[in-house]
Protein backbone atom coordinates (compact mmCIF):
# COMPACT_ATOMS: atom_id res chain seq x y z
CA MET A 1 -0.12 0.04 0.16
CA ALA A 2 1.16 3.22 -1.12
CA ASP A 3 2.10 6.48 1.07
CA LEU A 4 -0.26 9.63 0.96
CA VAL A 5 2.72 12.20 1.39
CA TYR A 6 1.19 15.95 2.77
CA PHE A 7 3.94 18.33 1.80
CA THR A 8 3.68 21.97 1.56
CA SER A 9 6.29 25.16 2.57
CA THR A 10 5.65 27.15 5.46
CA SER A 11 6.65 30.28 7.42
CA ILE A 12 7.84 29.94 10.88
CA ASP A 13 5.27 30.87 12.60
CA GLY A 14 3.09 28.11 10.37
CA PHE A 15 1.12 29.96 7.13
CA SER A 16 0.97 28.52 4.10
CA ALA A 17 0.10 32.03 3.22
CA ASP A 18 0.13 35.12 4.48
CA GLU A 19 -3.42 37.36 4.07
CA GLU A 20 -3.12 38.23 0.83
CA GLY A 21 -2.43 34.63 0.41
CA ASP A 22 1.46 35.15 -1.12
CA PHE A 23 3.71 32.50 -0.77
CA GLY A 24 6.45 33.95 -2.64
CA TRP A 25 8.31 34.41 0.54
CA GLY A 26 8.64 30.35 0.17
CA ALA A 27 10.37 30.39 -3.11
CA PRO A 28 13.15 27.65 -3.63
CA ASP A 29 16.28 28.77 -4.04
CA ALA A 30 18.29 25.98 -6.52
CA GLU A 31 19.63 24.37 -3.84
CA VAL A 32 15.97 23.78 -2.36
CA HIS A 33 14.37 23.11 -5.81
CA ARG A 34 16.49 20.19 -6.51
CA PHE A 35 15.73 18.60 -2.73
CA ILE A 36 12.10 19.28 -3.35
CA ASN A 37 12.80 17.38 -6.77
CA ASP A 38 13.95 14.03 -5.24
CA LEU A 39 11.45 14.06 -2.27
CA HIS A 40 8.44 14.12 -5.22
CA ARG A 41 10.76 11.95 -7.39
CA ASP A 42 8.69 8.80 -7.24
CA VAL A 43 5.19 10.47 -6.49
CA GLY A 44 2.33 8.60 -9.15
CA THR A 45 -0.75 10.64 -8.37
CA TYR A 46 -0.97 14.48 -6.51
CA LEU A 47 -4.38 14.93 -5.01
CA LEU A 48 -5.31 18.81 -5.27
CA GLY A 49 -7.90 21.27 -3.81
CA ARG A 50 -8.38 23.68 -6.36
CA ARG A 51 -6.50 26.70 -5.40
CA ASP A 52 -3.20 24.55 -5.41
CA TYR A 53 -3.97 23.13 -8.50
CA GLU A 54 -4.39 26.38 -10.61
CA VAL A 55 -1.14 27.70 -8.51
CA MET A 56 0.75 24.62 -10.41
CA THR A 57 -0.59 24.22 -13.70
CA VAL A 58 1.98 26.67 -14.44
CA TRP A 59 4.05 23.05 -14.56
CA ASP A 60 2.20 21.68 -17.28
CA THR A 61 3.17 24.48 -19.84
CA PHE A 62 7.23 25.05 -18.20
CA GLY A 63 9.46 25.58 -21.02
CA THR A 64 6.27 27.72 -23.88
CA VAL A 65 7.00 30.99 -24.73
CA GLU A 66 4.14 32.71 -22.62
CA GLN A 67 5.43 30.93 -19.38
CA ASP A 68 9.17 31.63 -19.89
CA SER A 69 8.42 34.95 -17.65
CA ALA A 70 7.30 32.88 -15.36
CA PHE A 71 10.64 31.31 -14.17
CA ASP A 72 14.31 32.13 -13.73
CA HIS A 73 16.17 30.97 -17.14
CA ASP A 74 19.47 33.17 -16.26
CA ASP A 75 20.29 30.58 -13.37
CA PRO A 76 21.04 27.46 -15.29
CA GLU A 77 20.77 25.67 -11.68
CA MET A 78 17.35 27.03 -11.15
CA ALA A 79 16.39 26.31 -15.32
CA ALA A 80 17.40 22.48 -14.67
CA ALA A 81 15.41 21.71 -11.24
CA ALA A 82 12.68 23.61 -12.72
CA ALA A 83 12.92 21.63 -16.12
CA ASP A 84 13.28 18.51 -14.28
CA PHE A 85 10.08 19.35 -11.62
CA ALA A 86 8.12 20.08 -14.77
CA GLU A 87 8.60 16.67 -16.19
CA MET A 88 8.11 14.59 -12.86
CA TRP A 89 4.81 17.00 -12.35
CA LYS A 90 3.12 16.23 -16.60
CA SER A 91 4.08 12.71 -16.28
CA ALA A 92 2.10 12.65 -12.39
CA GLU A 93 -1.54 11.72 -12.26
CA LYS A 94 -3.73 13.93 -10.85
CA VAL A 95 -7.31 14.42 -9.22
CA VAL A 96 -8.15 17.89 -8.24
CA TYR A 97 -11.15 18.48 -5.87
CA SER A 98 -13.25 21.12 -6.23
CA THR A 99 -17.03 22.37 -6.50
CA THR A 100 -16.45 25.72 -8.41
CA LEU A 101 -14.03 24.38 -11.45
CA SER A 102 -16.25 22.53 -14.37
CA SER A 103 -13.44 21.53 -16.31
CA VAL A 104 -9.39 21.21 -15.89
CA SER A 105 -6.66 21.96 -18.50
CA THR A 106 -3.31 19.55 -17.73
CA ARG A 107 -2.65 16.29 -18.79
CA ARG A 108 -3.19 13.23 -16.45
CA THR A 109 -6.21 14.59 -14.17
CA ARG A 110 -9.42 14.36 -13.47
CA LEU A 111 -12.04 16.53 -11.09
CA GLU A 112 -13.63 15.13 -8.42
CA SER A 113 -16.55 17.57 -7.09
CA SER A 114 -15.70 16.16 -3.75
CA PHE A 115 -13.33 14.48 -1.15
CA ASP A 116 -14.12 10.66 -0.79
CA PRO A 117 -12.00 9.36 1.85
CA ASP A 118 -12.97 5.53 0.69
CA ALA A 119 -12.05 6.08 -3.40
CA VAL A 120 -8.57 7.38 -1.50
CA ARG A 121 -7.78 3.97 0.50
CA ALA A 122 -8.58 2.55 -2.71
CA MET A 123 -6.03 4.61 -4.86
CA LYS A 124 -3.53 3.89 -1.97
CA ALA A 125 -4.18 0.10 -2.24
CA ALA A 126 -3.65 -0.06 -5.54
CA THR A 127 -0.10 1.00 -6.27
CA ASP A 128 2.88 1.16 -4.18
CA ARG A 129 4.33 4.74 -5.48
CA PRO A 130 3.35 7.53 -3.59
CA LEU A 131 0.43 9.70 -3.39
CA GLY A 132 1.01 13.51 -2.05
CA ILE A 133 -1.43 15.40 -1.06
CA GLY A 134 -1.35 19.58 -1.24
CA GLY A 135 -2.65 22.25 0.65
CA PRO A 136 -4.23 22.36 4.81
CA THR A 137 -7.68 22.45 4.04
CA LEU A 138 -7.63 19.22 1.20
CA ALA A 139 -5.00 17.96 3.75
CA GLY A 140 -6.83 18.16 7.24
CA GLN A 141 -9.95 16.21 5.61
CA ALA A 142 -7.24 13.79 4.60
CA ILE A 143 -5.60 13.50 8.11
CA ALA A 144 -9.15 13.30 10.29
CA ALA A 145 -9.74 10.31 7.26
CA GLY A 146 -6.69 8.68 9.32
CA LEU A 147 -5.40 8.88 5.22
CA VAL A 148 -2.51 10.86 5.68
CA ASP A 149 1.46 8.85 6.73
CA GLU A 150 3.65 11.20 6.33
CA VAL A 151 3.90 14.71 6.65
CA ARG A 152 6.60 17.10 5.35
CA PHE A 153 7.17 20.85 6.26
CA LEU A 154 9.70 23.40 4.76
CA VAL A 155 9.60 25.88 7.13
CA TYR A 156 11.53 29.44 6.28
CA PRO A 157 12.95 31.85 8.51
CA VAL A 158 10.49 34.72 8.02
CA LEU A 159 7.60 35.09 10.13
CA VAL A 160 4.18 36.16 7.96
CA GLY A 161 1.81 37.69 11.11
CA GLY A 162 -1.45 35.27 9.57
CA GLY A 163 -3.09 33.83 6.73
CA LEU A 164 -3.58 30.34 5.79
CA SER A 165 -2.29 27.91 8.74
CA ALA A 166 -0.26 25.57 7.05
CA TRP A 167 -1.69 23.01 9.16
CA PRO A 168 -5.08 22.09 9.33
CA LYS A 169 -7.41 23.43 11.80
CA GLY A 170 -8.84 21.38 14.21
CA VAL A 171 -7.09 18.07 13.75
CA ARG A 172 -4.77 16.50 16.08
CA ALA A 173 -1.81 13.77 15.58
CA GLN A 174 0.61 12.43 16.69
CA LEU A 175 3.75 12.80 15.04
CA ARG A 176 7.09 11.08 14.98
CA THR A 177 9.92 13.03 13.45
CA VAL A 178 12.09 11.03 10.67
CA GLU A 179 14.45 13.59 9.21
CA THR A 180 15.66 16.58 9.84
CA ARG A 181 18.08 19.32 7.25
CA ARG A 182 18.54 22.85 7.35
CA PHE A 183 19.95 24.44 3.40
CA GLY A 184 21.98 27.54 3.05
CA ASN A 185 19.12 29.59 2.81
CA ASP A 186 18.12 29.17 6.12
CA ALA A 187 15.27 27.14 5.50
CA VAL A 188 14.90 23.75 7.17
CA PHE A 189 12.78 20.94 6.40
CA LEU A 190 10.79 18.91 9.18
CA ARG A 191 9.69 15.37 8.02
CA TYR A 192 7.61 13.66 10.05
CA ARG A 193 5.20 10.19 10.26
CA LEU A 194 1.79 10.49 11.63
CA GLU A 195 1.42 8.36 14.14
CA PRO A 196 -1.38 5.50 14.76
């Protein structure tokens, strides 16, 4: 059975985005981007809410003329890391949960109107490749249903003072530390297993 992994970047005060919805303070440098790529390399399916999906669609058109301005191609290491992630994104399956979207535009993507824990359990049972889940709202539903096996936070040394909490509100869990790592930009990676 595959693991379901919740990954997010967060400020040190625990927010994935500030009160205006900005998360640019969590943009990775080349070192962190390569590390993130390695974390995602084996992911076979991404489970995404609407907002995360809309942010991630840029990876489906990476390298096209209209998207070139969204990436820093002046840094060869960053360009290589971005191209590597784009290829992983394009080859992975994606399930988008939304009550407001009527269609999806990216390849290998299907749209679901609601999160069904039993369907996710079936997905986990049907593969040995990890599933990734993004966004605290969707992750909260999965954690509450006992589906998330691992939590991975990339903590940036910034205080944003409020916004979208990286940890789902009202969800309690016992965690066991598996790995920590500090990067040259002072970001810290924290990896936990959820205890049953």
